[in-house]
Structures are given as structure tokens and as C-alpha cells.
């Protein structure tokens, strides 16, 4: 019985190490978070600060009932899409005016 458990443990450890190696290969160069994909646009430090503030504001607005779940998800999705296609104008607009845009429309 111990032989079977040892073999199972060995297989699990091998699988975990393969998963860990795969995750290590997908680290975005812009920060230390492990991600499944790499974005074409690299955020500056000030944009990263604005992004964190935008996400916090969207979550707070949703929590307080100022915007719906659909508006929150739509705003975040819109920003991620802009980052993915490197639309710097839309990124800048969403990071500076995104909260107001979500509340008004």
C-alpha cells in the first residue's frame, strides 16, 4: 500500500512542478503577477497606479449600488480590450474618465 501511495505522490509532484514551470513562463514583464496571456501594451508606472484606482473605484461603485454589475464588467472589459489592442487613447480616457463614464452611461 505504501508503494502505491509513494508512486501517486511522485506523479502529483511531477505534475505540480510542470504546472509551476508553465506558470513561471507566463509572467508579464510589466509586473510580478502570473498571467495566462501577455498584453501588447505595457502600462507605465503612473498608468498602473491609475489602473488600480480605476478598478477599486469600479468595485466600490458596484458595492454601493452606483453602477450595475453589467456596467462594472463592461467598463473593466472595455479597458482590458483597449490594453490588448494597444489603443493608447482609449486606455488614457478609461483610466482618467472611466469612473465618470460608467456612472453616466
C-alpha atoms as a PDB file:
ATOM      1  CA  UNK A   1       0.000   0.000   0.000  1.00  0.00           C
ATOM      2  CA  UNK A   2       2.847   2.426   0.767  1.00  0.00           C
ATOM      3  CA  UNK A   3       4.421   1.689  -2.628  1.00  0.00           C
ATOM      4  CA  UNK A   4       1.252   2.797  -4.403  1.00  0.00           C
ATOM      5  CA  UNK A   5       0.962   5.946  -2.303  1.00  0.00           C
ATOM      6  CA  UNK A   6       4.606   6.820  -2.940  1.00  0.00           C
ATOM      7  CA  UNK A   7       4.112   6.413  -6.669  1.00  0.00           C
ATOM      8  CA  UNK A   8       0.989   8.561  -6.567  1.00  0.00           C
ATOM      9  CA  UNK A   9       2.868  11.214  -4.622  1.00  0.00           C
ATOM     10  CA  UNK A  10       5.658  11.183  -7.160  1.00  0.00           C
ATOM     11  CA  UNK A  11       3.195  11.679 -10.010  1.00  0.00           C
ATOM     12  CA  UNK A  12       1.466  14.545  -8.226  1.00  0.00           C
ATOM     13  CA  UNK A  13       4.786  16.245  -7.519  1.00  0.00           C
ATOM     14  CA  UNK A  14       5.819  15.895 -11.171  1.00  0.00           C
ATOM     15  CA  UNK A  15       2.526  17.365 -12.285  1.00  0.00           C
ATOM     16  CA  UNK A  16       2.795  20.259  -9.834  1.00  0.00           C
ATOM     17  CA  UNK A  17       6.307  21.069 -10.980  1.00  0.00           C
ATOM     18  CA  UNK A  18       5.196  21.065 -14.637  1.00  0.00           C
ATOM     19  CA  UNK A  19       2.331  23.396 -13.782  1.00  0.00           C
ATOM     20  CA  UNK A  20       4.692  25.647 -11.823  1.00  0.00           C
ATOM     21  CA  UNK A  21       7.114  25.779 -14.736  1.00  0.00           C
ATOM     22  CA  UNK A  22       4.290  26.645 -17.126  1.00  0.00           C
ATOM     23  CA  UNK A  23       3.106  29.469 -14.823  1.00  0.00           C
ATOM     24  CA  UNK A  24       6.651  30.817 -14.491  1.00  0.00           C
ATOM     25  CA  UNK A  25       6.824  31.127 -18.280  1.00  0.00           C
ATOM     26  CA  UNK A  26       3.707  33.327 -18.364  1.00  0.00           C
ATOM     27  CA  UNK A  27       4.846  36.178 -16.133  1.00  0.00           C
ATOM     28  CA  UNK A  28       4.003  39.526 -17.707  1.00  0.00           C
ATOM     29  CA  UNK A  29       7.113  41.720 -17.978  1.00  0.00           C
ATOM     30  CA  UNK A  30       5.212  44.715 -16.601  1.00  0.00           C
ATOM     31  CA  UNK A  31       4.643  43.298 -13.121  1.00  0.00           C
ATOM     32  CA  UNK A  32       5.067  40.243 -10.955  1.00  0.00           C
ATOM     33  CA  UNK A  33       1.585  38.771 -11.407  1.00  0.00           C
ATOM     34  CA  UNK A  34       1.332  35.463 -13.210  1.00  0.00           C
ATOM     35  CA  UNK A  35      -0.985  35.769 -16.186  1.00  0.00           C
ATOM     36  CA  UNK A  36      -2.274  33.451 -18.875  1.00  0.00           C
ATOM     37  CA  UNK A  37      -1.571  35.880 -21.709  1.00  0.00           C
ATOM     38  CA  UNK A  38       0.750  38.730 -22.490  1.00  0.00           C
ATOM     39  CA  UNK A  39      -0.658  42.118 -23.430  1.00  0.00           C
ATOM     40  CA  UNK A  40       0.793  44.065 -26.342  1.00  0.00           C
ATOM     41  CA  UNK A  41       0.631  47.363 -24.431  1.00  0.00           C
ATOM     42  CA  UNK A  42       2.920  47.865 -21.446  1.00  0.00           C
ATOM     43  CA  UNK A  43       1.493  50.186 -18.801  1.00  0.00           C
ATOM     44  CA  UNK A  44       3.706  52.907 -17.374  1.00  0.00           C
ATOM     45  CA  UNK A  45       4.029  53.201 -13.603  1.00  0.00           C
ATOM     46  CA  UNK A  46       1.535  56.091 -13.494  1.00  0.00           C
ATOM     47  CA  UNK A  47      -0.902  54.083 -15.646  1.00  0.00           C
ATOM     48  CA  UNK A  48      -0.537  51.144 -13.261  1.00  0.00           C
ATOM     49  CA  UNK A  49      -1.438  53.409 -10.339  1.00  0.00           C
ATOM     50  CA  UNK A  50      -4.431  54.767 -12.282  1.00  0.00           C
ATOM     51  CA  UNK A  51      -5.467  51.220 -13.223  1.00  0.00           C
ATOM     52  CA  UNK A  52      -5.521  50.143  -9.574  1.00  0.00           C
ATOM     53  CA  UNK A  53      -7.520  53.254  -8.670  1.00  0.00           C
ATOM     54  CA  UNK A  54      -9.951  52.639 -11.552  1.00  0.00           C
ATOM     55  CA  UNK A  55     -10.542  49.020 -10.550  1.00  0.00           C
ATOM     56  CA  UNK A  56     -11.014  49.970  -6.893  1.00  0.00           C
ATOM     57  CA  UNK A  57     -13.449  52.739  -7.882  1.00  0.00           C
ATOM     58  CA  UNK A  58     -15.459  50.415 -10.135  1.00  0.00           C
ATOM     59  CA  UNK A  59     -15.717  47.809  -7.383  1.00  0.00           C
ATOM     60  CA  UNK A  60     -16.663  50.441  -4.797  1.00  0.00           C
ATOM     61  CA  UNK A  61     -19.308  51.942  -7.104  1.00  0.00           C
ATOM     62  CA  UNK A  62     -20.772  48.490  -7.717  1.00  0.00           C
ATOM     63  CA  UNK A  63     -20.728  47.672  -3.995  1.00  0.00           C
ATOM     64  CA  UNK A  64     -22.525  50.953  -3.202  1.00  0.00           C
ATOM     65  CA  UNK A  65     -25.091  50.385  -5.963  1.00  0.00           C
ATOM     66  CA  UNK A  66     -23.997  53.401  -8.029  1.00  0.00           C
ATOM     67  CA  UNK A  67     -23.467  51.142 -11.063  1.00  0.00           C
ATOM     68  CA  UNK A  68     -24.830  47.742 -12.050  1.00  0.00           C
ATOM     69  CA  UNK A  69     -22.819  44.562 -12.363  1.00  0.00           C
ATOM     70  CA  UNK A  70     -23.192  44.829 -16.137  1.00  0.00           C
ATOM     71  CA  UNK A  71     -21.734  48.359 -16.104  1.00  0.00           C
ATOM     72  CA  UNK A  72     -18.819  47.269 -13.892  1.00  0.00           C
ATOM     73  CA  UNK A  73     -17.959  44.275 -16.048  1.00  0.00           C
ATOM     74  CA  UNK A  74     -18.430  46.324 -19.218  1.00  0.00           C
ATOM     75  CA  UNK A  75     -16.078  49.044 -18.026  1.00  0.00           C
ATOM     76  CA  UNK A  76     -13.365  46.619 -16.974  1.00  0.00           C
ATOM     77  CA  UNK A  77     -13.757  44.643 -20.206  1.00  0.00           C
ATOM     78  CA  UNK A  78     -13.549  47.802 -22.271  1.00  0.00           C
ATOM     79  CA  UNK A  79     -10.290  48.782 -20.578  1.00  0.00           C
ATOM     80  CA  UNK A  80      -8.772  45.305 -20.947  1.00  0.00           C
ATOM     81  CA  UNK A  81      -9.753  45.250 -24.635  1.00  0.00           C
ATOM     82  CA  UNK A  82      -8.090  48.648 -25.147  1.00  0.00           C
ATOM     83  CA  UNK A  83      -4.916  47.404 -23.453  1.00  0.00           C
ATOM     84  CA  UNK A  84      -4.948  44.229 -25.530  1.00  0.00           C
ATOM     85  CA  UNK A  85      -5.091  46.145 -28.837  1.00  0.00           C
ATOM     86  CA  UNK A  86      -2.771  48.930 -27.606  1.00  0.00           C
ATOM     87  CA  UNK A  87      -5.367  51.700 -28.045  1.00  0.00           C
ATOM     88  CA  UNK A  88      -3.490  54.314 -26.010  1.00  0.00           C
ATOM     89  CA  UNK A  89      -6.198  56.963 -26.481  1.00  0.00           C
ATOM     90  CA  UNK A  90      -8.921  54.734 -25.075  1.00  0.00           C
ATOM     91  CA  UNK A  91      -6.630  53.497 -22.293  1.00  0.00           C
ATOM     92  CA  UNK A  92      -5.891  57.062 -21.253  1.00  0.00           C
ATOM     93  CA  UNK A  93      -9.575  58.016 -21.424  1.00  0.00           C
ATOM     94  CA  UNK A  94     -10.701  55.000 -19.393  1.00  0.00           C
ATOM     95  CA  UNK A  95      -8.027  55.500 -16.737  1.00  0.00           C
ATOM     96  CA  UNK A  96      -8.787  59.196 -16.295  1.00  0.00           C
ATOM     97  CA  UNK A  97     -12.535  59.415 -17.018  1.00  0.00           C
ATOM     98  CA  UNK A  98     -13.698  55.790 -16.807  1.00  0.00           C
ATOM     99  CA  UNK A  99     -15.497  56.073 -13.494  1.00  0.00           C
ATOM    100  CA  UNK A 100     -17.471  59.092 -14.666  1.00  0.00           C
ATOM    101  CA  UNK A 101     -18.247  57.400 -17.993  1.00  0.00           C
ATOM    102  CA  UNK A 102     -19.589  54.317 -16.228  1.00  0.00           C
ATOM    103  CA  UNK A 103     -21.791  56.346 -13.891  1.00  0.00           C
ATOM    104  CA  UNK A 104     -23.306  58.425 -16.704  1.00  0.00           C
ATOM    105  CA  UNK A 105     -23.875  55.832 -19.294  1.00  0.00           C
END
